[in-house]
């Protein structure tokens, strides 16, 4: 039988919830402070790479479209017929992007996977997120993704592209809708690294 949280009176629950709320508000203020610091990061000039897309060659600059800012996710290349479950989950998580566009931010996904492999997977998953293949370029290595995944944010000034931010691992993980909801649920993400009470269900990440 799965363990359950302790049952208490309504008054005891309200007191415990108030204590947690104080900690949540402190965390929110800390996140606001981090966001303010992030907005003050300097930027670095980035080369304008050329990728392959379903409609032909496309440059990093062209991925901006009409926007001045670009959020770009680098999907891992795990070889033929193998697809990163984390990247798959992340891409499935991407919502309607119209609200981002209204704030001047474009979105795209690139990968060192061959274009045909990406196209087949996009069609299989029913994804509409814009994508391109960086296979044959040094973009992955130059951006620091290497063989992994990475989320970068770029800013254009005319025809010049700059990178303003990048994150990986838990920095990308925290953007997932599913994980944010699971963090509110009593059993959490149910992954073995979590600090949970004894008896809580847990399993290996991606297991």
N, C-alpha and C. Protein backbone atom coordinates (compact mmCIF):
# COMPACT_ATOMS: atom_id res chain seq x y z
N UNK A 1 0.85 -1.21 0.00
CA UNK A 1 0.00 0.00 0.00
C UNK A 1 0.88 1.25 0.00
N UNK A 2 0.53 2.21 -0.84
CA UNK A 2 1.29 3.45 -0.94
C UNK A 2 1.10 4.30 0.32
N UNK A 3 2.17 4.86 0.82
CA UNK A 3 2.10 5.72 2.00
C UNK A 3 1.27 6.96 1.69
N UNK A 4 0.68 7.54 2.72
CA UNK A 4 -0.18 8.72 2.57
C UNK A 4 0.33 9.85 3.46
N UNK A 5 0.04 11.08 3.10
CA UNK A 5 0.37 12.20 3.99
C UNK A 5 -0.39 12.07 5.31
N UNK A 6 0.14 12.72 6.32
CA UNK A 6 -0.50 12.71 7.64
C UNK A 6 -1.83 13.46 7.59
N UNK A 7 -2.85 12.90 8.22
CA UNK A 7 -4.16 13.56 8.30
C UNK A 7 -4.19 14.45 9.54
N UNK A 8 -4.56 15.70 9.36
CA UNK A 8 -4.61 16.66 10.47
C UNK A 8 -5.93 17.41 10.43
N UNK A 9 -6.17 18.24 11.41
CA UNK A 9 -7.37 19.08 11.43
C UNK A 9 -7.23 20.22 10.43
N UNK A 10 -8.35 20.86 10.12
CA UNK A 10 -8.32 21.99 9.18
C UNK A 10 -7.42 23.10 9.70
N UNK A 11 -7.46 23.33 11.01
CA UNK A 11 -6.65 24.40 11.61
C UNK A 11 -5.16 24.08 11.48
N UNK A 12 -4.80 22.81 11.73
CA UNK A 12 -3.39 22.41 11.61
C UNK A 12 -2.92 22.52 10.17
N UNK A 13 -3.82 22.14 9.24
CA UNK A 13 -3.45 22.22 7.81
C UNK A 13 -3.22 23.67 7.41
N UNK A 14 -4.10 24.56 7.84
CA UNK A 14 -3.96 25.98 7.51
C UNK A 14 -2.64 26.53 8.04
N UNK A 15 -2.25 26.13 9.23
CA UNK A 15 -0.99 26.60 9.80
C UNK A 15 0.21 26.09 8.98
N UNK A 16 0.18 24.79 8.63
CA UNK A 16 1.27 24.23 7.83
C UNK A 16 1.32 24.87 6.44
N UNK A 17 0.13 25.13 5.87
CA UNK A 17 0.08 25.75 4.54
C UNK A 17 0.62 27.18 4.60
N UNK A 18 0.32 27.90 5.67
CA UNK A 18 0.82 29.27 5.82
C UNK A 18 2.34 29.30 5.93
N UNK A 19 2.92 28.32 6.61
CA UNK A 19 4.38 28.24 6.71
C UNK A 19 5.00 27.98 5.34
N UNK A 20 4.37 27.07 4.59
CA UNK A 20 4.88 26.78 3.24
C UNK A 20 4.71 27.99 2.33
N UNK A 21 3.58 28.72 2.47
CA UNK A 21 3.34 29.90 1.64
C UNK A 21 4.42 30.95 1.85
N UNK A 22 4.87 31.11 3.08
CA UNK A 22 5.94 32.08 3.36
C UNK A 22 7.21 31.67 2.61
N UNK A 23 7.51 30.36 2.62
CA UNK A 23 8.69 29.88 1.90
C UNK A 23 8.51 30.04 0.39
N UNK A 24 7.30 29.79 -0.11
CA UNK A 24 7.01 29.95 -1.55
C UNK A 24 7.16 31.40 -1.98
N UNK A 25 6.69 32.31 -1.16
CA UNK A 25 6.83 33.74 -1.50
C UNK A 25 8.30 34.16 -1.52
N UNK A 26 9.08 33.62 -0.59
CA UNK A 26 10.51 33.92 -0.58
C UNK A 26 11.17 33.40 -1.84
N UNK A 27 10.76 32.19 -2.27
CA UNK A 27 11.32 31.61 -3.50
C UNK A 27 10.91 32.44 -4.72
N UNK A 28 9.67 32.93 -4.73
CA UNK A 28 9.21 33.77 -5.83
C UNK A 28 10.03 35.05 -5.92
N UNK A 29 10.28 35.67 -4.78
CA UNK A 29 11.09 36.90 -4.77
C UNK A 29 12.52 36.61 -5.23
N UNK A 30 13.04 35.43 -4.85
CA UNK A 30 14.38 35.05 -5.29
C UNK A 30 14.41 34.84 -6.80
N UNK A 31 13.34 34.22 -7.35
CA UNK A 31 13.25 34.01 -8.81
C UNK A 31 13.14 35.35 -9.54
N UNK A 32 12.38 36.29 -8.96
CA UNK A 32 12.27 37.63 -9.56
C UNK A 32 13.64 38.31 -9.60
N UNK A 33 14.40 38.14 -8.53
CA UNK A 33 15.74 38.73 -8.46
C UNK A 33 16.66 38.09 -9.49
N UNK A 34 16.55 36.77 -9.66
CA UNK A 34 17.34 36.08 -10.69
C UNK A 34 16.96 36.57 -12.09
N UNK A 35 15.66 36.74 -12.33
CA UNK A 35 15.20 37.21 -13.64
C UNK A 35 15.74 38.61 -13.93
N UNK A 36 15.77 39.45 -12.91
CA UNK A 36 16.31 40.80 -13.07
C UNK A 36 17.80 40.74 -13.40
N UNK A 37 18.52 39.84 -12.73
CA UNK A 37 19.95 39.67 -13.01
C UNK A 37 20.15 39.12 -14.42
N UNK A 38 19.26 38.22 -14.84
CA UNK A 38 19.34 37.62 -16.18
C UNK A 38 19.14 38.70 -17.25
N UNK A 39 18.25 39.65 -16.99
CA UNK A 39 18.00 40.72 -17.97
C UNK A 39 19.19 41.67 -18.09
N UNK A 40 20.10 41.60 -17.15
CA UNK A 40 21.29 42.46 -17.18
C UNK A 40 22.54 41.73 -17.66
N UNK A 41 22.38 40.49 -18.13
CA UNK A 41 23.53 39.78 -18.69
C UNK A 41 24.06 40.50 -19.93
N UNK A 42 25.35 40.49 -20.13
CA UNK A 42 25.88 40.99 -21.41
C UNK A 42 25.56 39.97 -22.50
N UNK A 43 25.91 40.27 -23.73
CA UNK A 43 25.66 39.33 -24.82
C UNK A 43 26.94 39.13 -25.63
N UNK A 44 26.95 38.04 -26.41
CA UNK A 44 28.13 37.70 -27.20
C UNK A 44 27.70 37.49 -28.65
N UNK A 45 28.51 38.00 -29.56
CA UNK A 45 28.17 37.85 -30.97
C UNK A 45 28.26 36.39 -31.39
N UNK A 46 27.32 35.98 -32.24
CA UNK A 46 27.24 34.59 -32.68
C UNK A 46 27.25 34.54 -34.20
N UNK A 47 27.97 33.57 -34.74
CA UNK A 47 28.02 33.42 -36.19
C UNK A 47 26.64 33.07 -36.74
N UNK A 48 26.40 33.39 -38.00
CA UNK A 48 25.13 33.08 -38.64
C UNK A 48 25.25 31.75 -39.39
N UNK A 49 24.91 30.66 -38.73
CA UNK A 49 25.02 29.32 -39.30
C UNK A 49 23.90 29.07 -40.31
N UNK A 50 24.14 28.13 -41.21
CA UNK A 50 23.12 27.72 -42.16
C UNK A 50 22.71 26.28 -41.87
N UNK A 51 21.42 26.06 -41.67
CA UNK A 51 20.85 24.75 -41.37
C UNK A 51 20.03 24.26 -42.56
N UNK A 52 19.61 23.00 -42.47
CA UNK A 52 18.69 22.45 -43.47
C UNK A 52 17.30 22.36 -42.85
N UNK A 53 16.31 22.82 -43.60
CA UNK A 53 14.93 22.79 -43.11
C UNK A 53 14.05 22.13 -44.17
N UNK A 54 12.81 21.83 -43.84
CA UNK A 54 11.91 21.22 -44.83
C UNK A 54 11.70 22.07 -46.07
N UNK A 55 11.93 23.38 -45.95
CA UNK A 55 11.73 24.27 -47.09
C UNK A 55 13.04 24.69 -47.74
N UNK A 56 14.15 24.06 -47.31
CA UNK A 56 15.45 24.39 -47.88
C UNK A 56 16.38 25.00 -46.84
N UNK A 57 17.56 25.47 -47.27
CA UNK A 57 18.51 26.06 -46.32
C UNK A 57 17.91 27.25 -45.57
N UNK A 58 18.21 27.32 -44.28
CA UNK A 58 17.73 28.43 -43.46
C UNK A 58 18.85 28.83 -42.51
N UNK A 59 19.07 30.11 -42.35
CA UNK A 59 20.13 30.58 -41.47
C UNK A 59 19.59 30.80 -40.07
N UNK A 60 20.51 30.90 -39.12
CA UNK A 60 20.12 31.21 -37.75
C UNK A 60 19.36 32.53 -37.72
N UNK A 61 19.82 33.50 -38.49
CA UNK A 61 19.16 34.79 -38.55
C UNK A 61 17.73 34.65 -39.07
N UNK A 62 17.55 33.80 -40.07
CA UNK A 62 16.21 33.63 -40.66
C UNK A 62 15.24 32.95 -39.70
N UNK A 63 15.76 32.19 -38.73
CA UNK A 63 14.88 31.55 -37.76
C UNK A 63 14.17 32.58 -36.87
N UNK A 64 14.69 33.80 -36.83
CA UNK A 64 14.02 34.86 -36.07
C UNK A 64 12.70 35.25 -36.73
N UNK A 65 12.60 35.06 -38.04
CA UNK A 65 11.42 35.56 -38.75
C UNK A 65 11.36 37.07 -38.63
N UNK A 66 10.21 37.57 -38.19
CA UNK A 66 10.03 39.02 -38.03
C UNK A 66 10.34 39.49 -36.60
N UNK A 67 10.77 38.56 -35.75
CA UNK A 67 10.98 38.90 -34.35
C UNK A 67 12.43 39.34 -34.09
N UNK A 68 12.62 40.02 -32.98
CA UNK A 68 13.97 40.46 -32.60
C UNK A 68 14.65 39.46 -31.67
N UNK A 69 13.85 38.61 -31.02
CA UNK A 69 14.38 37.64 -30.07
C UNK A 69 14.04 36.22 -30.53
N UNK A 70 14.92 35.28 -30.20
CA UNK A 70 14.71 33.89 -30.61
C UNK A 70 15.08 32.95 -29.47
N UNK A 71 14.15 32.09 -29.07
CA UNK A 71 14.44 31.01 -28.14
C UNK A 71 14.64 29.75 -28.98
N UNK A 72 15.78 29.11 -28.81
CA UNK A 72 16.12 27.98 -29.67
C UNK A 72 16.50 26.77 -28.82
N UNK A 73 15.78 25.68 -29.03
CA UNK A 73 16.05 24.44 -28.30
C UNK A 73 16.84 23.48 -29.18
N UNK A 74 17.92 22.93 -28.62
CA UNK A 74 18.74 21.95 -29.34
C UNK A 74 18.38 20.55 -28.87
N UNK A 75 17.76 19.80 -29.76
CA UNK A 75 17.25 18.45 -29.51
C UNK A 75 18.40 17.47 -29.70
N UNK A 76 18.63 16.59 -28.73
CA UNK A 76 19.74 15.64 -28.80
C UNK A 76 19.62 14.72 -30.00
N UNK A 77 20.77 14.35 -30.55
CA UNK A 77 20.83 13.36 -31.63
C UNK A 77 21.33 12.05 -31.03
N UNK A 78 20.43 11.10 -30.87
CA UNK A 78 20.78 9.80 -30.28
C UNK A 78 21.00 8.71 -31.31
N UNK A 79 21.13 9.12 -32.57
CA UNK A 79 21.38 8.14 -33.62
C UNK A 79 20.11 7.73 -34.33
N UNK A 80 20.25 6.96 -35.42
CA UNK A 80 19.10 6.54 -36.23
C UNK A 80 18.05 5.80 -35.39
N UNK A 81 16.82 6.20 -35.55
CA UNK A 81 15.67 5.54 -34.92
C UNK A 81 15.68 5.60 -33.40
N UNK A 82 16.51 6.47 -32.82
CA UNK A 82 16.53 6.64 -31.37
C UNK A 82 16.31 8.12 -31.06
N UNK A 83 15.42 8.38 -30.11
CA UNK A 83 15.07 9.76 -29.82
C UNK A 83 15.09 9.98 -28.31
N UNK A 84 15.74 11.05 -27.91
CA UNK A 84 15.88 11.38 -26.49
C UNK A 84 14.50 11.54 -25.85
N UNK A 85 14.20 10.74 -24.79
CA UNK A 85 12.89 10.88 -24.15
C UNK A 85 12.69 12.24 -23.49
N UNK A 86 13.78 12.81 -22.94
CA UNK A 86 13.67 14.12 -22.32
C UNK A 86 13.36 15.20 -23.34
N UNK A 87 14.07 15.18 -24.47
CA UNK A 87 13.83 16.16 -25.53
C UNK A 87 12.43 15.99 -26.13
N UNK A 88 12.01 14.72 -26.23
CA UNK A 88 10.67 14.44 -26.74
C UNK A 88 9.63 15.03 -25.80
N UNK A 89 9.81 14.80 -24.50
CA UNK A 89 8.88 15.36 -23.52
C UNK A 89 8.87 16.87 -23.53
N UNK A 90 10.06 17.45 -23.69
CA UNK A 90 10.16 18.91 -23.69
C UNK A 90 9.44 19.48 -24.91
N UNK A 91 9.66 18.89 -26.09
CA UNK A 91 9.04 19.40 -27.31
C UNK A 91 7.53 19.21 -27.28
N UNK A 92 7.08 18.09 -26.71
CA UNK A 92 5.65 17.87 -26.57
C UNK A 92 5.03 18.93 -25.64
N UNK A 93 5.83 19.46 -24.76
CA UNK A 93 5.39 20.45 -23.78
C UNK A 93 5.22 21.85 -24.37
N UNK A 94 5.82 22.10 -25.53
CA UNK A 94 5.77 23.46 -26.10
C UNK A 94 4.32 23.81 -26.48
N UNK A 95 3.79 24.92 -25.95
CA UNK A 95 2.39 25.28 -26.17
C UNK A 95 2.20 26.12 -27.44
N UNK A 96 1.03 26.69 -27.55
CA UNK A 96 0.76 27.66 -28.60
C UNK A 96 1.74 28.81 -28.44
N UNK A 97 2.46 29.12 -29.51
CA UNK A 97 3.54 30.10 -29.43
C UNK A 97 3.11 31.52 -29.80
N UNK A 98 1.82 31.72 -30.03
CA UNK A 98 1.36 33.04 -30.47
C UNK A 98 1.60 34.11 -29.41
N UNK A 99 1.47 33.74 -28.14
CA UNK A 99 1.69 34.73 -27.09
C UNK A 99 3.15 35.17 -27.03
N UNK A 100 4.08 34.23 -27.26
CA UNK A 100 5.49 34.60 -27.31
C UNK A 100 5.73 35.55 -28.47
N UNK A 101 5.14 35.24 -29.61
CA UNK A 101 5.34 36.08 -30.80
C UNK A 101 4.85 37.51 -30.55
N UNK A 102 3.77 37.64 -29.79
CA UNK A 102 3.24 38.98 -29.49
C UNK A 102 4.20 39.78 -28.63
N UNK A 103 5.09 39.08 -27.92
CA UNK A 103 6.11 39.75 -27.10
C UNK A 103 7.45 39.82 -27.82
N UNK A 104 7.45 39.48 -29.10
CA UNK A 104 8.67 39.64 -29.90
C UNK A 104 9.65 38.49 -29.83
N UNK A 105 9.17 37.29 -29.43
CA UNK A 105 10.05 36.13 -29.30
C UNK A 105 9.63 35.03 -30.26
N UNK A 106 10.55 34.60 -31.10
CA UNK A 106 10.32 33.45 -31.99
C UNK A 106 10.83 32.19 -31.31
N UNK A 107 10.38 31.04 -31.79
CA UNK A 107 10.80 29.75 -31.22
C UNK A 107 11.17 28.80 -32.35
N UNK A 108 12.24 28.04 -32.16
CA UNK A 108 12.62 27.02 -33.14
C UNK A 108 13.39 25.91 -32.44
N UNK A 109 13.45 24.75 -33.07
CA UNK A 109 14.22 23.61 -32.58
C UNK A 109 15.21 23.21 -33.65
N UNK A 110 16.45 22.96 -33.26
CA UNK A 110 17.44 22.43 -34.18
C UNK A 110 18.05 21.17 -33.56
N UNK A 111 18.62 20.34 -34.40
CA UNK A 111 19.24 19.11 -33.93
C UNK A 111 20.29 18.67 -34.93
N UNK A 112 21.29 17.93 -34.42
CA UNK A 112 22.27 17.32 -35.31
C UNK A 112 21.72 16.08 -36.00
N UNK A 113 20.48 15.72 -35.71
CA UNK A 113 19.84 14.64 -36.46
C UNK A 113 19.74 15.03 -37.93
N UNK A 114 19.86 14.07 -38.86
CA UNK A 114 19.62 14.39 -40.27
C UNK A 114 18.20 14.92 -40.45
N UNK A 115 18.02 15.77 -41.44
CA UNK A 115 16.71 16.39 -41.65
C UNK A 115 15.61 15.36 -41.87
N UNK A 116 15.90 14.30 -42.63
CA UNK A 116 14.88 13.29 -42.91
C UNK A 116 14.42 12.62 -41.62
N UNK A 117 15.35 12.38 -40.70
CA UNK A 117 14.99 11.76 -39.43
C UNK A 117 14.12 12.70 -38.60
N UNK A 118 14.48 13.98 -38.57
CA UNK A 118 13.67 14.96 -37.85
C UNK A 118 12.28 15.06 -38.45
N UNK A 119 12.21 15.13 -39.77
CA UNK A 119 10.92 15.27 -40.44
C UNK A 119 10.01 14.09 -40.13
N UNK A 120 10.57 12.87 -40.18
CA UNK A 120 9.78 11.69 -39.88
C UNK A 120 9.25 11.70 -38.45
N UNK A 121 10.10 12.15 -37.50
CA UNK A 121 9.68 12.17 -36.10
C UNK A 121 8.66 13.26 -35.86
N UNK A 122 8.85 14.42 -36.46
CA UNK A 122 7.88 15.52 -36.31
C UNK A 122 6.52 15.10 -36.83
N UNK A 123 6.52 14.40 -37.98
CA UNK A 123 5.24 13.94 -38.55
C UNK A 123 4.61 12.88 -37.66
N UNK A 124 5.42 11.98 -37.12
CA UNK A 124 4.92 10.93 -36.23
C UNK A 124 4.30 11.52 -34.98
N UNK A 125 4.95 12.55 -34.43
CA UNK A 125 4.47 13.14 -33.18
C UNK A 125 3.40 14.20 -33.40
N UNK A 126 3.21 14.63 -34.66
CA UNK A 126 2.21 15.65 -34.94
C UNK A 126 2.62 17.04 -34.49
N UNK A 127 3.94 17.28 -34.40
CA UNK A 127 4.43 18.57 -33.93
C UNK A 127 4.39 19.62 -35.03
N UNK A 128 4.11 20.84 -34.66
CA UNK A 128 4.11 21.96 -35.61
C UNK A 128 5.22 22.96 -35.31
N UNK A 129 6.03 22.68 -34.28
CA UNK A 129 7.14 23.56 -33.92
C UNK A 129 8.14 23.62 -35.08
N UNK A 130 8.57 24.81 -35.42
CA UNK A 130 9.54 24.97 -36.50
C UNK A 130 10.85 24.27 -36.15
N UNK A 131 11.44 23.57 -37.13
CA UNK A 131 12.66 22.81 -36.86
C UNK A 131 13.62 22.88 -38.04
N UNK A 132 14.89 22.57 -37.74
CA UNK A 132 15.93 22.54 -38.77
C UNK A 132 17.04 21.62 -38.29
N UNK A 133 17.79 21.09 -39.22
CA UNK A 133 18.91 20.20 -38.90
C UNK A 133 20.23 20.95 -38.96
N UNK A 134 21.01 20.81 -37.88
CA UNK A 134 22.34 21.42 -37.84
C UNK A 134 23.42 20.41 -38.19
N UNK A 135 23.01 19.23 -38.70
CA UNK A 135 23.98 18.20 -39.07
C UNK A 135 24.99 18.75 -40.08
N UNK A 136 26.26 18.42 -39.85
CA UNK A 136 27.30 18.89 -40.76
C UNK A 136 27.83 20.26 -40.43
N UNK A 137 27.27 20.91 -39.40
CA UNK A 137 27.77 22.22 -38.97
C UNK A 137 28.44 22.08 -37.61
N UNK A 138 29.10 23.13 -37.18
CA UNK A 138 29.73 23.14 -35.85
C UNK A 138 28.86 23.85 -34.81
N UNK A 139 27.60 24.08 -35.17
CA UNK A 139 26.72 24.85 -34.30
C UNK A 139 26.59 24.22 -32.91
N UNK A 140 26.38 22.90 -32.85
CA UNK A 140 26.20 22.24 -31.57
C UNK A 140 27.44 22.38 -30.69
N UNK A 141 28.60 22.15 -31.29
CA UNK A 141 29.84 22.27 -30.52
C UNK A 141 30.11 23.72 -30.13
N UNK A 142 29.88 24.64 -31.05
CA UNK A 142 30.18 26.05 -30.78
C UNK A 142 29.26 26.65 -29.73
N UNK A 143 28.03 26.13 -29.64
CA UNK A 143 27.07 26.67 -28.68
C UNK A 143 27.26 26.07 -27.29
N UNK A 144 28.04 24.97 -27.23
CA UNK A 144 28.27 24.33 -25.95
C UNK A 144 27.35 23.16 -25.67
N UNK A 145 26.47 22.85 -26.63
CA UNK A 145 25.55 21.73 -26.43
C UNK A 145 26.29 20.40 -26.56
N UNK A 146 27.28 20.36 -27.46
CA UNK A 146 28.00 19.11 -27.69
C UNK A 146 27.01 18.05 -28.13
N UNK A 147 27.01 16.90 -27.44
CA UNK A 147 26.05 15.86 -27.78
C UNK A 147 24.80 15.92 -26.93
N UNK A 148 24.64 16.98 -26.15
CA UNK A 148 23.49 17.09 -25.26
C UNK A 148 22.42 18.02 -25.77
N UNK A 149 21.58 18.48 -24.85
CA UNK A 149 20.50 19.41 -25.20
C UNK A 149 20.79 20.76 -24.56
N UNK A 150 20.23 21.79 -25.12
CA UNK A 150 20.51 23.15 -24.66
C UNK A 150 19.39 24.07 -25.10
N UNK A 151 19.07 25.03 -24.26
CA UNK A 151 18.14 26.08 -24.64
C UNK A 151 18.90 27.39 -24.63
N UNK A 152 18.92 28.07 -25.77
CA UNK A 152 19.62 29.35 -25.89
C UNK A 152 18.64 30.44 -26.29
N UNK A 153 18.95 31.66 -25.88
CA UNK A 153 18.15 32.81 -26.28
C UNK A 153 19.06 33.77 -27.04
N UNK A 154 18.59 34.20 -28.20
CA UNK A 154 19.35 35.07 -29.08
C UNK A 154 18.62 36.39 -29.29
N UNK A 155 19.39 37.41 -29.57
CA UNK A 155 18.85 38.74 -29.88
C UNK A 155 19.52 39.21 -31.17
N UNK A 156 18.73 39.78 -32.04
CA UNK A 156 19.30 40.31 -33.29
C UNK A 156 19.31 41.83 -33.26
N UNK A 157 20.37 42.38 -33.80
CA UNK A 157 20.49 43.83 -33.99
C UNK A 157 20.75 44.01 -35.47
N UNK A 158 19.68 44.27 -36.22
CA UNK A 158 19.81 44.27 -37.67
C UNK A 158 20.09 42.85 -38.15
N UNK A 159 21.21 42.66 -38.86
CA UNK A 159 21.58 41.34 -39.35
C UNK A 159 22.62 40.66 -38.47
N UNK A 160 22.90 41.22 -37.32
CA UNK A 160 23.89 40.65 -36.41
C UNK A 160 23.19 39.91 -35.28
N UNK A 161 23.64 38.68 -35.02
CA UNK A 161 23.01 37.83 -34.01
C UNK A 161 23.90 37.74 -32.76
N UNK A 162 23.27 37.86 -31.61
CA UNK A 162 23.98 37.75 -30.33
C UNK A 162 23.28 36.70 -29.46
N UNK A 163 24.05 36.00 -28.65
CA UNK A 163 23.44 35.11 -27.66
C UNK A 163 23.42 35.85 -26.33
N UNK A 164 22.25 35.84 -25.68
CA UNK A 164 22.09 36.53 -24.41
C UNK A 164 22.00 35.58 -23.23
N UNK A 165 21.62 34.31 -23.50
CA UNK A 165 21.39 33.38 -22.39
C UNK A 165 21.41 31.95 -22.90
N UNK A 166 21.80 31.02 -22.04
CA UNK A 166 21.66 29.60 -22.35
C UNK A 166 21.52 28.82 -21.05
N UNK A 167 20.85 27.68 -21.11
CA UNK A 167 20.69 26.83 -19.94
C UNK A 167 20.51 25.38 -20.38
N UNK A 168 20.77 24.47 -19.47
CA UNK A 168 20.64 23.05 -19.77
C UNK A 168 20.22 22.32 -18.49
N UNK A 169 20.07 21.01 -18.58
CA UNK A 169 19.74 20.16 -17.43
C UNK A 169 18.54 20.73 -16.67
N UNK A 170 18.70 21.00 -15.35
CA UNK A 170 17.57 21.45 -14.54
C UNK A 170 17.05 22.82 -14.97
N UNK A 171 17.90 23.61 -15.64
CA UNK A 171 17.43 24.90 -16.14
C UNK A 171 16.35 24.75 -17.19
N UNK A 172 16.45 23.69 -17.99
CA UNK A 172 15.42 23.38 -18.99
C UNK A 172 14.26 22.64 -18.33
N UNK A 173 14.61 21.75 -17.44
CA UNK A 173 13.63 20.92 -16.74
C UNK A 173 12.56 21.77 -16.05
N UNK A 174 12.95 22.89 -15.47
CA UNK A 174 12.00 23.69 -14.69
C UNK A 174 10.95 24.37 -15.57
N UNK A 175 11.14 24.36 -16.90
CA UNK A 175 10.19 24.99 -17.81
C UNK A 175 9.03 24.07 -18.17
N UNK A 176 9.14 22.80 -17.84
CA UNK A 176 8.12 21.84 -18.23
C UNK A 176 6.83 22.00 -17.43
N UNK A 177 5.72 22.12 -18.11
CA UNK A 177 4.41 22.22 -17.47
C UNK A 177 4.17 21.02 -16.56
N UNK A 178 4.42 19.82 -17.09
CA UNK A 178 4.18 18.60 -16.33
C UNK A 178 4.95 18.59 -15.01
N UNK A 179 6.23 18.94 -15.05
CA UNK A 179 7.02 18.92 -13.83
C UNK A 179 6.57 19.98 -12.83
N UNK A 180 6.15 21.12 -13.32
CA UNK A 180 5.66 22.17 -12.42
C UNK A 180 4.39 21.73 -11.70
N UNK A 181 3.51 21.02 -12.40
CA UNK A 181 2.30 20.51 -11.76
C UNK A 181 2.64 19.38 -10.79
N UNK A 182 3.54 18.46 -11.22
CA UNK A 182 3.93 17.35 -10.34
C UNK A 182 4.59 17.86 -9.06
N UNK A 183 5.31 18.97 -9.15
CA UNK A 183 5.94 19.53 -7.95
C UNK A 183 4.90 20.02 -6.94
N UNK A 184 3.66 20.23 -7.38
CA UNK A 184 2.59 20.64 -6.50
C UNK A 184 1.81 19.44 -5.95
N UNK A 185 1.96 18.29 -6.62
CA UNK A 185 1.21 17.09 -6.23
C UNK A 185 1.85 16.42 -5.01
N UNK A 186 1.07 15.71 -4.21
CA UNK A 186 1.61 15.13 -2.97
C UNK A 186 2.76 14.15 -3.18
N UNK A 187 2.74 13.40 -4.29
CA UNK A 187 3.83 12.44 -4.52
C UNK A 187 4.94 13.00 -5.40
N UNK A 188 4.84 14.28 -5.80
CA UNK A 188 5.90 14.90 -6.59
C UNK A 188 6.09 14.24 -7.93
N UNK A 189 7.32 14.26 -8.42
CA UNK A 189 7.63 13.65 -9.72
C UNK A 189 7.85 12.14 -9.59
N UNK A 190 7.92 11.66 -8.37
CA UNK A 190 8.11 10.24 -8.09
C UNK A 190 9.42 9.71 -8.67
N UNK A 191 10.45 10.56 -8.63
CA UNK A 191 11.77 10.18 -9.12
C UNK A 191 12.71 10.00 -7.93
N UNK A 192 13.67 9.09 -8.08
CA UNK A 192 14.48 8.64 -6.95
C UNK A 192 15.38 9.73 -6.35
N UNK A 193 15.66 10.78 -7.10
CA UNK A 193 16.52 11.84 -6.57
C UNK A 193 15.78 12.78 -5.63
N UNK A 194 14.45 12.73 -5.63
CA UNK A 194 13.67 13.67 -4.83
C UNK A 194 13.76 13.35 -3.34
N UNK A 195 13.73 14.39 -2.54
CA UNK A 195 13.67 14.26 -1.08
C UNK A 195 12.21 14.11 -0.69
N UNK A 196 11.74 12.86 -0.58
CA UNK A 196 10.34 12.59 -0.25
C UNK A 196 10.26 11.80 1.05
N UNK A 197 9.12 11.82 1.70
CA UNK A 197 8.95 11.02 2.92
C UNK A 197 9.11 9.52 2.62
N UNK A 198 9.41 8.77 3.65
CA UNK A 198 9.55 7.32 3.50
C UNK A 198 8.25 6.73 2.99
N UNK A 199 8.37 5.79 2.05
CA UNK A 199 7.19 5.12 1.51
C UNK A 199 6.59 5.78 0.30
N UNK A 200 7.09 6.97 -0.07
CA UNK A 200 6.56 7.66 -1.26
C UNK A 200 7.02 6.89 -2.51
N UNK A 201 6.16 6.76 -3.52
CA UNK A 201 6.57 6.06 -4.75
C UNK A 201 7.67 6.83 -5.48
N UNK A 202 8.74 6.13 -5.85
CA UNK A 202 9.85 6.75 -6.57
C UNK A 202 10.43 5.74 -7.56
N UNK A 203 10.93 6.27 -8.66
CA UNK A 203 11.53 5.42 -9.70
C UNK A 203 12.65 6.21 -10.39
N UNK A 204 13.52 5.54 -11.15
CA UNK A 204 14.59 6.27 -11.84
C UNK A 204 14.05 7.26 -12.86
N UNK A 205 14.71 8.40 -12.99
CA UNK A 205 14.34 9.37 -14.01
C UNK A 205 14.42 8.72 -15.38
N UNK A 206 13.36 8.90 -16.19
CA UNK A 206 13.23 8.30 -17.51
C UNK A 206 13.13 6.78 -17.44
N UNK A 207 12.97 6.22 -16.23
CA UNK A 207 12.89 4.79 -16.09
C UNK A 207 11.49 4.25 -16.31
